[in-house]
Amino acid sequence: MVSTWIYSGSSAKVKLSTVQRLTVCWFMLCGCIHLILEGWFSVFHNSIAGDQSFLSQLWKEYSKADSRYVSADTFTVMMETVTAWLEGPGCFLVAAGYVNNSPNRYVLQLLVSTGQLYGTVLYVGNEVKDGFVHGPLWDPMYFWFYFVVINSPWVILPTLLMVQSYGKMVQGQAQMDRAAKGKKKK
């Protein structure tokens, strides 16, 4: 994240604000998490329980909060697969959009953030509907920290970024409407 912060401050086509640079860092972090960590789960979900590699060990640790990860639950596998292979690259496109001042950055941000929020809501919602049977409910570490705290940023930040994208797109459309109105008057 340090290199992303430095790069977004020194190599961007236009000067990015602190919020924009933090947004670039968020999407780079998410892209790495989605592609590397969730991509690993997507590919190796059937062998994680018996595997001793570092990433499998991380998933086994997280599965203490949610056993769906060691049982290769169909929903969890599909949700993580979509997250890894669509949202992961999408995050890098959003970050590049900011650094390159691309006009598509807010559309991509809206799409990726919507996917992140939707996936998190379905992931948590399925566990709520199942009655939290896949982990120790109310446990300070496994429920509150692993399940609640670790997943919370993918509810809060995508929601804020969706609102921001909406505002930027409305603002852009209003400018286009004013320009079109001005052309009609001439």
N, C-alpha and C. Protein backbone atom coordinates (compact mmCIF):
# COMPACT_ATOMS: atom_id res chain seq x y z
N MET A 1 0.82 -1.19 0.00
CA MET A 1 0.00 0.00 0.00
C MET A 1 0.86 1.25 0.00
N VAL A 2 2.03 1.15 0.60
CA VAL A 2 2.93 2.30 0.61
C VAL A 2 3.34 2.65 -0.82
N SER A 3 3.68 1.65 -1.61
CA SER A 3 4.08 1.93 -3.00
C SER A 3 2.90 2.48 -3.81
N THR A 4 1.70 1.99 -3.55
CA THR A 4 0.52 2.53 -4.23
C THR A 4 0.30 3.98 -3.85
N TRP A 5 0.45 4.28 -2.57
CA TRP A 5 0.28 5.66 -2.10
C TRP A 5 1.30 6.57 -2.79
N ILE A 6 2.55 6.14 -2.82
CA ILE A 6 3.60 6.95 -3.45
C ILE A 6 3.32 7.10 -4.94
N TYR A 7 3.02 6.00 -5.60
CA TYR A 7 2.77 6.04 -7.05
C TYR A 7 1.58 6.94 -7.38
N SER A 8 0.51 6.84 -6.61
CA SER A 8 -0.68 7.66 -6.90
C SER A 8 -0.42 9.14 -6.68
N GLY A 9 0.59 9.46 -5.89
CA GLY A 9 0.93 10.85 -5.67
C GLY A 9 1.93 11.39 -6.67
N SER A 10 2.73 10.51 -7.24
CA SER A 10 3.80 11.00 -8.12
C SER A 10 3.56 10.72 -9.60
N SER A 11 2.77 9.73 -9.94
CA SER A 11 2.64 9.33 -11.33
C SER A 11 1.25 9.54 -11.92
N ALA A 12 0.33 10.05 -11.16
CA ALA A 12 -1.02 10.28 -11.68
C ALA A 12 -0.98 11.38 -12.74
N LYS A 13 -1.85 11.28 -13.75
CA LYS A 13 -1.90 12.28 -14.82
C LYS A 13 -2.37 13.63 -14.32
N VAL A 14 -3.18 13.64 -13.28
CA VAL A 14 -3.60 14.88 -12.62
C VAL A 14 -3.35 14.69 -11.12
N LYS A 15 -3.24 15.79 -10.40
CA LYS A 15 -3.01 15.69 -8.95
C LYS A 15 -4.26 15.11 -8.29
N LEU A 16 -4.07 14.00 -7.60
CA LEU A 16 -5.17 13.35 -6.90
C LEU A 16 -5.27 13.90 -5.48
N SER A 17 -6.50 14.05 -5.00
CA SER A 17 -6.73 14.46 -3.62
C SER A 17 -6.38 13.30 -2.68
N THR A 18 -6.31 13.59 -1.41
CA THR A 18 -6.04 12.54 -0.43
C THR A 18 -7.11 11.45 -0.49
N VAL A 19 -8.37 11.86 -0.62
CA VAL A 19 -9.46 10.87 -0.71
C VAL A 19 -9.31 10.02 -1.96
N GLN A 20 -8.94 10.62 -3.07
CA GLN A 20 -8.75 9.85 -4.30
C GLN A 20 -7.57 8.88 -4.17
N ARG A 21 -6.50 9.32 -3.54
CA ARG A 21 -5.36 8.42 -3.34
C ARG A 21 -5.71 7.28 -2.40
N LEU A 22 -6.49 7.55 -1.37
CA LEU A 22 -6.95 6.48 -0.47
C LEU A 22 -7.86 5.52 -1.22
N THR A 23 -8.67 6.05 -2.13
CA THR A 23 -9.54 5.21 -2.95
C THR A 23 -8.71 4.29 -3.84
N VAL A 24 -7.65 4.83 -4.45
CA VAL A 24 -6.75 4.01 -5.26
C VAL A 24 -6.14 2.90 -4.40
N CYS A 25 -5.70 3.26 -3.19
CA CYS A 25 -5.12 2.25 -2.28
C CYS A 25 -6.16 1.18 -1.91
N TRP A 26 -7.39 1.60 -1.64
CA TRP A 26 -8.46 0.64 -1.32
C TRP A 26 -8.65 -0.35 -2.47
N PHE A 27 -8.74 0.15 -3.69
CA PHE A 27 -8.97 -0.75 -4.82
C PHE A 27 -7.77 -1.63 -5.11
N MET A 28 -6.57 -1.14 -4.91
CA MET A 28 -5.38 -1.99 -5.09
C MET A 28 -5.36 -3.08 -4.02
N LEU A 29 -5.67 -2.73 -2.78
CA LEU A 29 -5.73 -3.72 -1.70
C LEU A 29 -6.79 -4.77 -2.02
N CYS A 30 -7.97 -4.31 -2.41
CA CYS A 30 -9.05 -5.24 -2.74
C CYS A 30 -8.67 -6.14 -3.91
N GLY A 31 -8.06 -5.55 -4.94
CA GLY A 31 -7.65 -6.34 -6.10
C GLY A 31 -6.71 -7.46 -5.70
N CYS A 32 -5.76 -7.14 -4.83
CA CYS A 32 -4.81 -8.16 -4.35
C CYS A 32 -5.51 -9.22 -3.52
N ILE A 33 -6.37 -8.79 -2.61
CA ILE A 33 -7.11 -9.75 -1.77
C ILE A 33 -7.99 -10.64 -2.64
N HIS A 34 -8.73 -10.02 -3.56
CA HIS A 34 -9.64 -10.79 -4.41
C HIS A 34 -8.87 -11.79 -5.27
N LEU A 35 -7.85 -11.33 -5.97
CA LEU A 35 -7.15 -12.22 -6.89
C LEU A 35 -6.29 -13.26 -6.17
N ILE A 36 -5.55 -12.83 -5.17
CA ILE A 36 -4.61 -13.77 -4.53
C ILE A 36 -5.32 -14.66 -3.52
N LEU A 37 -5.92 -14.07 -2.51
CA LEU A 37 -6.51 -14.85 -1.43
C LEU A 37 -7.78 -15.57 -1.86
N GLU A 38 -8.72 -14.81 -2.43
CA GLU A 38 -9.97 -15.44 -2.85
C GLU A 38 -9.80 -16.25 -4.13
N GLY A 39 -8.84 -15.84 -4.97
CA GLY A 39 -8.52 -16.65 -6.15
C GLY A 39 -7.98 -18.01 -5.75
N TRP A 40 -7.15 -18.03 -4.70
CA TRP A 40 -6.62 -19.30 -4.18
C TRP A 40 -7.78 -20.20 -3.74
N PHE A 41 -8.70 -19.61 -2.98
CA PHE A 41 -9.85 -20.40 -2.53
C PHE A 41 -10.64 -20.92 -3.73
N SER A 42 -10.85 -20.07 -4.70
CA SER A 42 -11.62 -20.44 -5.89
C SER A 42 -11.01 -21.66 -6.59
N VAL A 43 -9.71 -21.67 -6.70
CA VAL A 43 -9.03 -22.75 -7.42
C VAL A 43 -8.83 -23.99 -6.56
N PHE A 44 -8.49 -23.80 -5.29
CA PHE A 44 -8.09 -24.93 -4.43
C PHE A 44 -9.10 -25.27 -3.35
N HIS A 45 -10.36 -24.85 -3.46
CA HIS A 45 -11.35 -25.06 -2.40
C HIS A 45 -11.52 -26.52 -2.00
N ASN A 46 -11.33 -27.44 -2.92
CA ASN A 46 -11.52 -28.87 -2.58
C ASN A 46 -10.36 -29.47 -1.80
N SER A 47 -9.20 -28.81 -1.80
CA SER A 47 -8.04 -29.40 -1.13
C SER A 47 -7.52 -28.57 0.04
N ILE A 48 -8.18 -27.47 0.36
CA ILE A 48 -7.69 -26.59 1.43
C ILE A 48 -7.60 -27.31 2.78
N ALA A 49 -8.59 -28.12 3.11
CA ALA A 49 -8.62 -28.78 4.42
C ALA A 49 -7.36 -29.60 4.70
N GLY A 50 -6.79 -30.23 3.68
CA GLY A 50 -5.62 -31.07 3.89
C GLY A 50 -4.31 -30.44 3.45
N ASP A 51 -4.36 -29.23 2.92
CA ASP A 51 -3.17 -28.59 2.38
C ASP A 51 -2.44 -27.80 3.46
N GLN A 52 -1.12 -27.78 3.39
CA GLN A 52 -0.31 -27.08 4.38
C GLN A 52 0.30 -25.78 3.86
N SER A 53 -0.05 -25.36 2.65
CA SER A 53 0.51 -24.12 2.12
C SER A 53 0.00 -22.92 2.92
N PHE A 54 0.73 -21.80 2.82
CA PHE A 54 0.41 -20.61 3.60
C PHE A 54 -1.02 -20.13 3.37
N LEU A 55 -1.44 -20.01 2.11
CA LEU A 55 -2.78 -19.49 1.83
C LEU A 55 -3.87 -20.46 2.29
N SER A 56 -3.63 -21.74 2.16
CA SER A 56 -4.60 -22.71 2.68
C SER A 56 -4.69 -22.61 4.20
N GLN A 57 -3.55 -22.39 4.85
CA GLN A 57 -3.55 -22.23 6.31
C GLN A 57 -4.36 -20.99 6.71
N LEU A 58 -4.26 -19.91 5.93
CA LEU A 58 -5.07 -18.72 6.21
C LEU A 58 -6.56 -19.04 6.11
N TRP A 59 -6.93 -19.78 5.07
CA TRP A 59 -8.34 -20.14 4.91
C TRP A 59 -8.81 -21.07 6.03
N LYS A 60 -7.94 -21.98 6.46
CA LYS A 60 -8.32 -22.86 7.57
C LYS A 60 -8.50 -22.07 8.86
N GLU A 61 -7.66 -21.06 9.06
CA GLU A 61 -7.82 -20.21 10.24
C GLU A 61 -9.14 -19.45 10.16
N TYR A 62 -9.43 -18.86 8.99
CA TYR A 62 -10.69 -18.12 8.83
C TYR A 62 -11.90 -19.05 8.97
N SER A 63 -11.72 -20.31 8.57
CA SER A 63 -12.85 -21.26 8.65
C SER A 63 -13.25 -21.57 10.09
N LYS A 64 -12.44 -21.16 11.06
CA LYS A 64 -12.85 -21.29 12.46
C LYS A 64 -14.02 -20.37 12.75
N ALA A 65 -14.15 -19.31 11.95
CA ALA A 65 -15.30 -18.41 12.06
C ALA A 65 -16.41 -18.82 11.11
N ASP A 66 -16.05 -19.50 10.03
CA ASP A 66 -17.04 -19.87 9.01
C ASP A 66 -16.59 -21.16 8.32
N SER A 67 -17.14 -22.27 8.79
CA SER A 67 -16.72 -23.58 8.30
C SER A 67 -17.07 -23.84 6.84
N ARG A 68 -17.84 -22.95 6.23
CA ARG A 68 -18.17 -23.13 4.81
C ARG A 68 -16.91 -23.14 3.95
N TYR A 69 -15.82 -22.56 4.46
CA TYR A 69 -14.59 -22.50 3.68
C TYR A 69 -13.82 -23.82 3.66
N VAL A 70 -13.97 -24.66 4.65
CA VAL A 70 -13.30 -25.96 4.58
C VAL A 70 -14.23 -27.05 4.06
N SER A 71 -15.52 -26.76 4.02
CA SER A 71 -16.45 -27.75 3.48
C SER A 71 -16.74 -27.51 1.99
N ALA A 72 -16.13 -26.48 1.42
CA ALA A 72 -16.31 -26.13 0.01
C ALA A 72 -17.80 -25.96 -0.33
N ASP A 73 -18.50 -25.25 0.55
CA ASP A 73 -19.91 -24.91 0.35
C ASP A 73 -20.11 -24.30 -1.03
N THR A 74 -21.10 -24.78 -1.77
CA THR A 74 -21.31 -24.35 -3.15
C THR A 74 -21.50 -22.85 -3.28
N PHE A 75 -22.33 -22.26 -2.43
CA PHE A 75 -22.53 -20.81 -2.51
C PHE A 75 -21.22 -20.07 -2.29
N THR A 76 -20.48 -20.45 -1.27
CA THR A 76 -19.23 -19.77 -0.92
C THR A 76 -18.22 -19.89 -2.05
N VAL A 77 -18.12 -21.06 -2.65
CA VAL A 77 -17.19 -21.25 -3.77
C VAL A 77 -17.59 -20.35 -4.94
N MET A 78 -18.86 -20.30 -5.28
CA MET A 78 -19.30 -19.48 -6.40
C MET A 78 -19.13 -17.99 -6.10
N MET A 79 -19.47 -17.57 -4.90
CA MET A 79 -19.34 -16.16 -4.53
C MET A 79 -17.87 -15.74 -4.57
N GLU A 80 -16.99 -16.55 -4.03
CA GLU A 80 -15.56 -16.21 -4.04
C GLU A 80 -14.98 -16.28 -5.45
N THR A 81 -15.48 -17.15 -6.29
CA THR A 81 -15.01 -17.25 -7.67
C THR A 81 -15.36 -15.98 -8.44
N VAL A 82 -16.59 -15.53 -8.31
CA VAL A 82 -17.00 -14.28 -8.97
C VAL A 82 -16.19 -13.11 -8.42
N THR A 83 -16.02 -13.07 -7.11
CA THR A 83 -15.26 -12.00 -6.49
C THR A 83 -13.82 -11.99 -7.00
N ALA A 84 -13.19 -13.15 -7.04
CA ALA A 84 -11.78 -13.24 -7.45
C ALA A 84 -11.58 -12.84 -8.90
N TRP A 85 -12.36 -13.42 -9.79
CA TRP A 85 -12.04 -13.30 -11.21
C TRP A 85 -12.76 -12.17 -11.93
N LEU A 86 -13.77 -11.58 -11.33
CA LEU A 86 -14.41 -10.39 -11.91
C LEU A 86 -14.06 -9.12 -11.13
N GLU A 87 -14.30 -9.15 -9.84
CA GLU A 87 -14.05 -7.96 -9.04
C GLU A 87 -12.55 -7.69 -8.84
N GLY A 88 -11.75 -8.75 -8.76
CA GLY A 88 -10.31 -8.56 -8.60
C GLY A 88 -9.72 -7.71 -9.72
N PRO A 89 -9.83 -8.15 -10.98
CA PRO A 89 -9.33 -7.31 -12.08
C PRO A 89 -10.07 -5.97 -12.16
N GLY A 90 -11.35 -5.96 -11.83
CA GLY A 90 -12.12 -4.71 -11.85
C GLY A 90 -11.53 -3.69 -10.89
N CYS A 91 -11.06 -4.14 -9.74
CA CYS A 91 -10.43 -3.23 -8.77
C CYS A 91 -9.20 -2.56 -9.37
N PHE A 92 -8.39 -3.33 -10.09
CA PHE A 92 -7.20 -2.75 -10.71
C PHE A 92 -7.58 -1.77 -11.82
N LEU A 93 -8.67 -2.05 -12.53
CA LEU A 93 -9.13 -1.11 -13.56
C LEU A 93 -9.59 0.21 -12.93
N VAL A 94 -10.27 0.13 -11.79
CA VAL A 94 -10.70 1.36 -11.11
C VAL A 94 -9.48 2.16 -10.67
N ALA A 95 -8.52 1.50 -10.05
CA ALA A 95 -7.30 2.19 -9.59
C ALA A 95 -6.59 2.84 -10.77
N ALA A 96 -6.46 2.11 -11.87
CA ALA A 96 -5.82 2.67 -13.07
C ALA A 96 -6.63 3.84 -13.61
N GLY A 97 -7.95 3.74 -13.52
CA GLY A 97 -8.81 4.84 -13.97
C GLY A 97 -8.55 6.12 -13.22
N TYR A 98 -8.35 6.01 -11.92
CA TYR A 98 -8.03 7.20 -11.12
C TYR A 98 -6.66 7.77 -11.51
N VAL A 99 -5.65 6.90 -11.56
CA VAL A 99 -4.29 7.35 -11.84
C VAL A 99 -4.19 7.96 -13.24
N ASN A 100 -4.94 7.42 -14.19
CA ASN A 100 -4.90 7.90 -15.58
C ASN A 100 -5.97 8.93 -15.88
N ASN A 101 -6.74 9.32 -14.86
CA ASN A 101 -7.83 10.30 -15.02
C ASN A 101 -8.81 9.88 -16.11
N SER A 102 -9.13 8.60 -16.14
CA SER A 102 -10.02 8.05 -17.15
C SER A 102 -11.47 8.44 -16.87
N PRO A 103 -12.23 8.79 -17.90
CA PRO A 103 -13.63 9.16 -17.68
C PRO A 103 -14.51 7.99 -17.23
N ASN A 104 -14.01 6.77 -17.35
CA ASN A 104 -14.83 5.62 -16.95
C ASN A 104 -14.63 5.21 -15.50
N ARG A 105 -13.81 5.93 -14.73
CA ARG A 105 -13.46 5.49 -13.38
C ARG A 105 -14.67 5.39 -12.45
N TYR A 106 -15.62 6.30 -12.56
CA TYR A 106 -16.76 6.25 -11.64
C TYR A 106 -17.77 5.18 -12.04
N VAL A 107 -17.88 4.90 -13.33
CA VAL A 107 -18.75 3.81 -13.78
C VAL A 107 -18.17 2.48 -13.29
N LEU A 108 -16.85 2.30 -13.49
CA LEU A 108 -16.21 1.07 -13.02
C LEU A 108 -16.28 0.96 -11.50
N GLN A 109 -16.07 2.09 -10.82
CA GLN A 109 -16.15 2.09 -9.36
C GLN A 109 -17.55 1.67 -8.89
N LEU A 110 -18.58 2.16 -9.57
CA LEU A 110 -19.95 1.79 -9.21
C LEU A 110 -20.18 0.30 -9.44
N LEU A 111 -19.71 -0.22 -10.57
CA LEU A 111 -19.90 -1.64 -10.87
C LEU A 111 -19.18 -2.53 -9.86
N VAL A 112 -17.91 -2.24 -9.61
CA VAL A 112 -17.13 -3.08 -8.69
C VAL A 112 -17.67 -2.96 -7.27
N SER A 113 -17.97 -1.75 -6.84
CA SER A 113 -18.48 -1.55 -5.47
C SER A 113 -19.83 -2.23 -5.28
N THR A 114 -20.68 -2.18 -6.30
CA THR A 114 -21.97 -2.87 -6.23
C THR A 114 -21.75 -4.38 -6.09
N GLY A 115 -20.81 -4.91 -6.86
CA GLY A 115 -20.49 -6.34 -6.75
C GLY A 115 -19.97 -6.70 -5.38
N GLN A 116 -19.10 -5.85 -4.83
CA GLN A 116 -18.54 -6.12 -3.50
C GLN A 116 -19.63 -6.10 -2.44
N LEU A 117 -20.48 -5.09 -2.48
CA LEU A 117 -21.55 -4.99 -1.49
C LEU A 117 -22.54 -6.14 -1.65
N TYR A 118 -22.92 -6.43 -2.86
CA TYR A 118 -23.88 -7.51 -3.13
C TYR A 118 -23.32 -8.86 -2.64
N GLY A 119 -22.06 -9.13 -2.96
CA GLY A 119 -21.45 -10.39 -2.52
C GLY A 119 -21.38 -10.49 -1.00
N THR A 120 -21.05 -9.40 -0.34
CA THR A 120 -20.96 -9.41 1.12
C THR A 120 -22.34 -9.58 1.75
N VAL A 121 -23.33 -8.89 1.20
CA VAL A 121 -24.69 -9.03 1.73
C VAL A 121 -25.19 -10.46 1.56
N LEU A 122 -24.94 -11.07 0.41
CA LEU A 122 -25.36 -12.46 0.20
C LEU A 122 -24.59 -13.41 1.12
N TYR A 123 -23.29 -13.18 1.26
CA TYR A 123 -22.45 -14.02 2.11
C TYR A 123 -22.93 -13.98 3.56
N VAL A 124 -23.11 -12.78 4.09
CA VAL A 124 -23.57 -12.64 5.47
C VAL A 124 -25.03 -13.07 5.59
N GLY A 125 -25.83 -12.70 4.61
CA GLY A 125 -27.26 -13.05 4.64
C GLY A 125 -27.50 -14.54 4.67
N ASN A 126 -26.72 -15.30 3.92
CA ASN A 126 -26.86 -16.76 3.96
C ASN A 126 -26.53 -17.31 5.33
N GLU A 127 -25.51 -16.74 5.96
CA GLU A 127 -25.15 -17.21 7.30
C GLU A 127 -26.22 -16.83 8.32
N VAL A 128 -26.79 -15.64 8.19
CA VAL A 128 -27.88 -15.23 9.08
C VAL A 128 -29.06 -16.17 8.90
N LYS A 129 -29.44 -16.43 7.64
CA LYS A 129 -30.59 -17.31 7.35
C LYS A 129 -30.35 -18.73 7.88
N ASP A 130 -29.09 -19.18 7.81
CA ASP A 130 -28.76 -20.52 8.32
C ASP A 130 -28.67 -20.56 9.84
N GLY A 131 -28.78 -19.41 10.49
CA GLY A 131 -28.75 -19.37 11.95
C GLY A 131 -27.34 -19.38 12.54
N PHE A 132 -26.36 -18.91 11.79
CA PHE A 132 -24.97 -18.85 12.25
C PHE A 132 -24.47 -20.22 12.71
N VAL A 133 -24.77 -21.24 11.93
CA VAL A 133 -24.38 -22.60 12.31
C VAL A 133 -22.96 -22.96 11.88
N HIS A 134 -22.29 -22.08 11.13
CA HIS A 134 -20.97 -22.42 10.60
C HIS A 134 -19.81 -21.84 11.41
N GLY A 135 -20.11 -21.31 12.57
CA GLY A 135 -19.06 -20.74 13.41
C GLY A 135 -19.58 -20.48 14.80
N PRO A 136 -18.67 -20.18 15.74
CA PRO A 136 -19.08 -19.95 17.13
C PRO A 136 -19.69 -18.55 17.31
N LEU A 137 -21.00 -18.52 17.38
CA LEU A 137 -21.72 -17.26 17.52
C LEU A 137 -21.30 -16.53 18.79
N TRP A 138 -21.05 -15.23 18.67
CA TRP A 138 -20.69 -14.30 19.73
C TRP A 138 -19.26 -14.45 20.25
N ASP A 139 -18.49 -15.40 19.73
CA ASP A 139 -17.11 -15.54 20.16
C ASP A 139 -16.35 -14.25 19.81
N PRO A 140 -15.58 -13.69 20.76
CA PRO A 140 -14.91 -12.41 20.51
C PRO A 140 -13.96 -12.44 19.30
N MET A 141 -13.23 -13.51 19.13
CA MET A 141 -12.26 -13.59 18.03
C MET A 141 -12.93 -14.05 16.74
N TYR A 142 -13.58 -15.21 16.79
CA TYR A 142 -14.06 -15.83 15.55
C TYR A 142 -15.34 -15.20 15.03
N PHE A 143 -16.23 -14.77 15.87
CA PHE A 143 -17.44 -14.11 15.37
C PHE A 143 -17.20 -12.61 15.20
N TRP A 144 -16.85 -11.94 16.30
CA TRP A 144 -16.76 -10.47 16.25
C TRP A 144 -15.61 -9.98 15.39
N PHE A 145 -14.42 -10.55 15.55
CA PHE A 145 -13.30 -10.05 14.77
C PHE A 145 -13.28 -10.64 13.36
N TYR A 146 -13.23 -11.97 13.22
CA TYR A 146 -13.10 -12.58 11.90
C TYR A 146 -14.34 -12.33 11.04
N PHE A 147 -15.50 -12.61 11.59
CA PHE A 147 -16.71 -12.54 10.77
C PHE A 147 -17.24 -11.12 10.63
N VAL A 148 -17.33 -10.39 11.72
CA VAL A 148 -17.94 -9.05 11.67
C VAL A 148 -16.91 -7.99 11.24
N VAL A 149 -15.83 -7.83 11.98
CA VAL A 149 -14.89 -6.75 11.71
C VAL A 149 -14.21 -6.91 10.35
N ILE A 150 -13.74 -8.09 10.05
CA ILE A 150 -13.02 -8.29 8.78
C ILE A 150 -13.94 -8.07 7.57
N ASN A 151 -15.21 -8.40 7.68
CA ASN A 151 -16.12 -8.23 6.54
C ASN A 151 -16.75 -6.84 6.46
N SER A 152 -16.74 -6.09 7.54
CA SER A 152 -17.38 -4.77 7.58
C SER A 152 -16.89 -3.77 6.54
N PRO A 153 -15.59 -3.70 6.26
CA PRO A 153 -15.16 -2.73 5.23
C PRO A 153 -15.82 -2.96 3.87
N TRP A 154 -16.20 -4.21 3.57
CA TRP A 154 -16.82 -4.50 2.27
C TRP A 154 -18.32 -4.22 2.28
N VAL A 155 -18.81 -3.68 3.36
CA VAL A 155 -20.17 -3.12 3.41
C VAL A 155 -20.07 -1.60 3.41
N ILE A 156 -19.23 -1.07 4.29
CA ILE A 156 -19.15 0.38 4.49
C ILE A 156 -18.53 1.09 3.29
N LEU A 157 -17.34 0.69 2.88
CA LEU A 157 -16.63 1.42 1.82
C LEU A 157 -17.32 1.30 0.45
N PRO A 158 -17.75 0.11 0.03
CA PRO A 158 -18.47 0.07 -1.25
C PRO A 158 -19.74 0.94 -1.25
N THR A 159 -20.44 0.98 -0.12
CA THR A 159 -21.64 1.83 -0.03
C THR A 159 -21.26 3.30 -0.24
N LEU A 160 -20.22 3.76 0.45
CA LEU A 160 -19.77 5.15 0.28
C LEU A 160 -19.31 5.42 -1.15
N LEU A 161 -18.59 4.46 -1.73
CA LEU A 161 -18.10 4.64 -3.10
C LEU A 161 -19.22 4.60 -4.13
N MET A 162 -20.26 3.83 -3.86
CA MET A 162 -21.43 3.81 -4.75
C MET A 162 -22.14 5.17 -4.71
N VAL A 163 -22.29 5.73 -3.52
CA VAL A 163 -22.92 7.05 -3.38
C VAL A 163 -22.08 8.10 -4.11
N GLN A 164 -20.76 8.03 -3.94
CA GLN A 164 -19.89 8.98 -4.63
C GLN A 164 -20.02 8.83 -6.14
N SER A 165 -20.01 7.61 -6.64
CA SER A 165 -20.14 7.37 -8.08
C SER A 165 -21.46 7.92 -8.61
N TYR A 166 -22.53 7.66 -7.89
CA TYR A 166 -23.84 8.17 -8.27
C TYR A 166 -23.80 9.69 -8.39
N GLY A 167 -23.23 10.34 -7.38
CA GLY A 167 -23.15 11.80 -7.39
C GLY A 167 -22.34 12.32 -8.57
N LYS A 168 -21.21 11.69 -8.86
CA LYS A 168 -20.37 12.12 -9.99
C LYS A 168 -21.09 11.91 -11.32
N MET A 169 -21.81 10.82 -11.45
CA MET A 169 -22.52 10.56 -12.71
C MET A 169 -23.69 11.51 -12.88
N VAL A 170 -24.40 11.82 -11.80
CA VAL A 170 -25.49 12.80 -11.87
C VAL A 170 -24.93 14.16 -12.24
N GLN A 171 -23.82 14.53 -11.62
CA GLN A 171 -23.17 15.81 -11.91
C GLN A 171 -22.74 15.88 -13.38
N GLY A 172 -22.16 14.82 -13.90
CA GLY A 172 -21.75 14.78 -15.30
C GLY A 172 -22.93 14.88 -16.25
N GLN A 173 -24.01 14.16 -15.92
CA GLN A 173 -25.21 14.21 -16.78
C GLN A 173 -25.83 15.60 -16.75
N ALA A 174 -25.84 16.24 -15.59
CA ALA A 174 -26.39 17.60 -15.48
C ALA A 174 -25.59 18.57 -16.35
N GLN A 175 -24.27 18.42 -16.38
CA GLN A 175 -23.43 19.27 -17.23
C GLN A 175 -23.75 19.03 -18.71
N MET A 176 -23.91 17.78 -19.07
CA MET A 176 -24.25 17.47 -20.47
C MET A 176 -25.62 18.04 -20.84
N ASP A 177 -26.58 17.95 -19.93
CA ASP A 177 -27.91 18.49 -20.18
C ASP A 177 -27.87 20.01 -20.34
N ARG A 178 -27.07 20.68 -19.49
CA ARG A 178 -26.94 22.13 -19.61
C ARG A 178 -26.26 22.51 -20.94
N ALA A 179 -25.26 21.76 -21.32
CA ALA A 179 -24.58 22.03 -22.59
C ALA A 179 -25.51 21.81 -23.77
N ALA A 180 -26.32 20.76 -23.73
CA ALA A 180 -27.27 20.48 -24.80
C ALA A 180 -28.34 21.58 -24.85
N LYS A 181 -28.76 22.04 -23.71
CA LYS A 181 -29.76 23.11 -23.63
C LYS A 181 -29.19 24.40 -24.20
N GLY A 182 -27.91 24.68 -23.91
CA GLY A 182 -27.25 25.87 -24.42
C GLY A 182 -27.12 25.82 -25.94
N LYS A 183 -26.88 24.64 -26.50
CA LYS A 183 -26.76 24.49 -27.96
C LYS A 183 -28.10 24.73 -28.64
N LYS A 184 -29.20 24.31 -28.00
CA LYS A 184 -30.55 24.49 -28.58
C LYS A 184 -30.91 25.96 -28.64
N LYS A 185 -30.47 26.72 -27.62
CA LYS A 185 -30.80 28.15 -27.59
C LYS A 185 -30.07 28.91 -28.71
N LYS A 186 -28.91 28.45 -29.10
CA LYS A 186 -28.14 29.12 -30.15
C LYS A 186 -28.78 28.83 -31.47
